Amino acid sequence: MTRDELNGVLAKLGLLEGRSFTTAQGDAWYEILGARKADDAHTAVLQFHSKPFKRVAYPGDINGIVEDIERSRLALIGSLEPNLADLESTGNRRPLNKELYRVVRQGELSPAGYREYQRSRMTLKAFMAGQAVLTSA
């Protein structure tokens, strides 16, 4: 997420908890949550505060909930495997596996999208580019 997107997450926390954040605090939150998706962080804030309120949220609380959200996406698919087009196009599977894991974990590729990718004759990079074109149209 961008720093501006994090500011939105912190604004939501501020409204729910009646507090404000300094620039330095925002920077610290960004160090912990910056690699996460903004939508997941917003969902995590709401999940944290949907339980009986006992204390304010810390970055680790929100990060832990986002981890759970991401793990649940992976669990819906199970074992991730590159498709034939990807296997034929590279000799090094490690970067490919890492990218496939990332797009599923962050919700960029849904379970249905993963199945479609598996059936396609396209590399993951080409498939994701095609998906981006479809969603922006």
Protein backbone atom coordinates (compact mmCIF):
# COMPACT_ATOMS: atom_id res chain seq x y z
CA MET A 1 0.00 0.00 0.00
CA THR A 2 1.08 3.57 -0.45
CA ARG A 3 1.71 5.96 2.41
CA ASP A 4 -1.51 7.81 1.48
CA GLU A 5 -3.46 4.55 1.65
CA LEU A 6 -1.98 3.89 5.08
CA ASN A 7 -3.13 7.35 6.14
CA GLY A 8 -6.67 6.18 5.31
CA VAL A 9 -6.20 3.09 7.48
CA LEU A 10 -4.90 5.24 10.33
CA ALA A 11 -7.80 7.67 9.89
CA LYS A 12 -10.23 4.76 10.30
CA LEU A 13 -8.37 3.64 13.42
CA GLY A 14 -8.42 7.21 14.71
CA LEU A 15 -12.18 7.41 14.31
CA LEU A 16 -12.76 4.08 16.01
CA GLU A 17 -10.33 4.69 18.86
CA GLY A 18 -10.54 8.45 19.34
CA ARG A 19 -6.85 9.04 18.77
CA SER A 20 -4.60 10.67 16.22
CA PHE A 21 -1.24 9.68 14.80
CA THR A 22 1.90 11.77 14.37
CA THR A 23 3.95 11.61 11.19
CA ALA A 24 6.59 9.58 13.03
CA GLN A 25 3.96 7.10 14.23
CA GLY A 26 2.58 6.84 10.69
CA ASP A 27 6.08 6.16 9.40
CA ALA A 28 6.50 3.35 11.94
CA TRP A 29 3.13 1.84 10.98
CA TYR A 30 4.16 2.05 7.33
CA GLU A 31 7.38 0.13 7.99
CA ILE A 32 5.29 -2.74 9.30
CA LEU A 33 2.24 -2.60 7.02
CA GLY A 34 3.59 -1.00 3.83
CA ALA A 35 3.90 -4.29 1.94
CA ARG A 36 0.26 -5.19 2.63
CA LYS A 37 -2.81 -4.40 0.55
CA ALA A 38 -4.79 -1.38 1.75
CA ASP A 39 -8.13 -3.21 1.44
CA ASP A 40 -6.81 -6.00 3.66
CA ALA A 41 -5.60 -3.50 6.25
CA HIS A 42 -9.02 -1.80 6.31
CA THR A 43 -10.68 -5.20 6.75
CA ALA A 44 -8.25 -6.02 9.55
CA VAL A 45 -9.07 -2.78 11.38
CA LEU A 46 -12.77 -3.62 11.25
CA GLN A 47 -12.15 -7.21 12.37
CA PHE A 48 -10.03 -6.00 15.29
CA HIS A 49 -12.75 -3.63 16.44
CA SER A 50 -15.65 -6.02 15.82
CA LYS A 51 -14.69 -7.78 19.05
CA PRO A 52 -15.37 -6.26 22.46
CA PHE A 53 -13.12 -3.20 22.69
CA LYS A 54 -10.40 -3.62 25.28
CA ARG A 55 -7.43 -1.63 23.98
CA VAL A 56 -6.12 0.29 21.01
CA ALA A 57 -4.73 -1.55 17.99
CA TYR A 58 -1.02 -1.76 17.33
CA PRO A 59 0.64 -2.41 13.97
CA GLY A 60 1.33 -6.02 14.92
CA ASP A 61 -2.37 -6.60 15.64
CA ILE A 62 -3.40 -5.38 12.20
CA ASN A 63 -0.49 -7.16 10.51
CA GLY A 64 -1.46 -10.44 12.19
CA ILE A 65 -5.05 -10.18 10.99
CA VAL A 66 -3.86 -9.40 7.46
CA GLU A 67 -1.64 -12.50 7.66
CA ASP A 68 -4.73 -14.56 8.52
CA ILE A 69 -6.64 -13.04 5.58
CA GLU A 70 -3.79 -13.87 3.22
CA ARG A 71 -3.38 -17.41 4.58
CA SER A 72 -7.08 -18.05 4.06
CA ARG A 73 -6.71 -17.12 0.38
CA LEU A 74 -3.93 -19.67 0.00
CA ALA A 75 -5.95 -22.32 1.82
CA LEU A 76 -8.83 -21.91 -0.64
CA ILE A 77 -6.54 -23.06 -3.44
CA GLY A 78 -4.22 -25.46 -1.69
CA SER A 79 -1.03 -26.40 -3.48
CA LEU A 80 0.15 -23.78 -5.99
CA GLU A 81 1.79 -24.99 -9.18
CA PRO A 82 2.93 -23.06 -12.25
CA ASN A 83 1.13 -24.01 -15.45
CA LEU A 84 2.76 -25.67 -18.47
CA ALA A 85 3.47 -22.38 -20.28
CA ASP A 86 5.43 -21.11 -17.28
CA LEU A 87 7.27 -24.39 -16.79
CA GLU A 88 8.35 -24.38 -20.44
CA SER A 89 9.43 -20.73 -20.35
CA THR A 90 11.82 -20.82 -17.41
CA GLY A 91 14.56 -22.98 -16.04
CA ASN A 92 14.35 -21.40 -12.59
CA ARG A 93 11.04 -22.03 -10.85
CA ARG A 94 11.89 -20.19 -7.65
CA PRO A 95 11.04 -16.62 -8.82
CA LEU A 96 7.96 -17.95 -10.58
CA ASN A 97 6.72 -19.80 -7.50
CA LYS A 98 7.35 -16.70 -5.40
CA GLU A 99 5.30 -14.48 -7.74
CA LEU A 100 2.47 -17.03 -7.99
CA TYR A 101 2.37 -17.27 -4.20
CA ARG A 102 2.32 -13.45 -3.91
CA VAL A 103 -0.54 -12.83 -6.36
CA VAL A 104 -2.73 -15.47 -4.69
CA ARG A 105 -1.81 -14.39 -1.16
CA GLN A 106 -2.58 -10.73 -1.87
CA GLY A 107 -5.86 -11.51 -3.61
CA GLU A 108 -4.75 -10.46 -7.08
CA LEU A 109 -5.59 -13.95 -8.33
CA SER A 110 -8.77 -15.55 -6.98
CA PRO A 111 -9.35 -19.31 -6.79
CA ALA A 112 -11.39 -19.09 -10.01
CA GLY A 113 -8.64 -17.00 -11.60
CA TYR A 114 -6.03 -19.56 -10.53
CA ARG A 115 -8.02 -22.36 -12.18
CA GLU A 116 -8.33 -20.25 -15.33
CA TYR A 117 -4.58 -19.55 -15.28
CA GLN A 118 -3.93 -23.29 -14.98
CA ARG A 119 -6.07 -23.99 -18.07
CA SER A 120 -4.58 -21.13 -20.06
CA ARG A 121 -1.61 -21.43 -22.34
CA MET A 122 -0.20 -18.18 -21.01
CA THR A 123 2.61 -17.41 -18.61
CA LEU A 124 1.58 -15.94 -15.26
CA LYS A 125 2.92 -12.55 -16.31
CA ALA A 126 0.87 -12.55 -19.54
CA PHE A 127 -2.20 -13.91 -17.77
CA MET A 128 -2.07 -11.23 -15.06
CA ALA A 129 -1.56 -8.51 -17.68
CA GLY A 130 -4.64 -9.80 -19.49
CA GLN A 131 -6.63 -9.76 -16.26
CA ALA A 132 -5.58 -6.16 -15.62
CA VAL A 133 -6.82 -5.15 -19.07
CA LEU A 134 -10.15 -6.91 -18.47
CA THR A 135 -10.72 -5.27 -15.09
CA SER A 136 -9.83 -1.80 -16.33
CA ALA A 137 -12.22 -1.99 -19.30
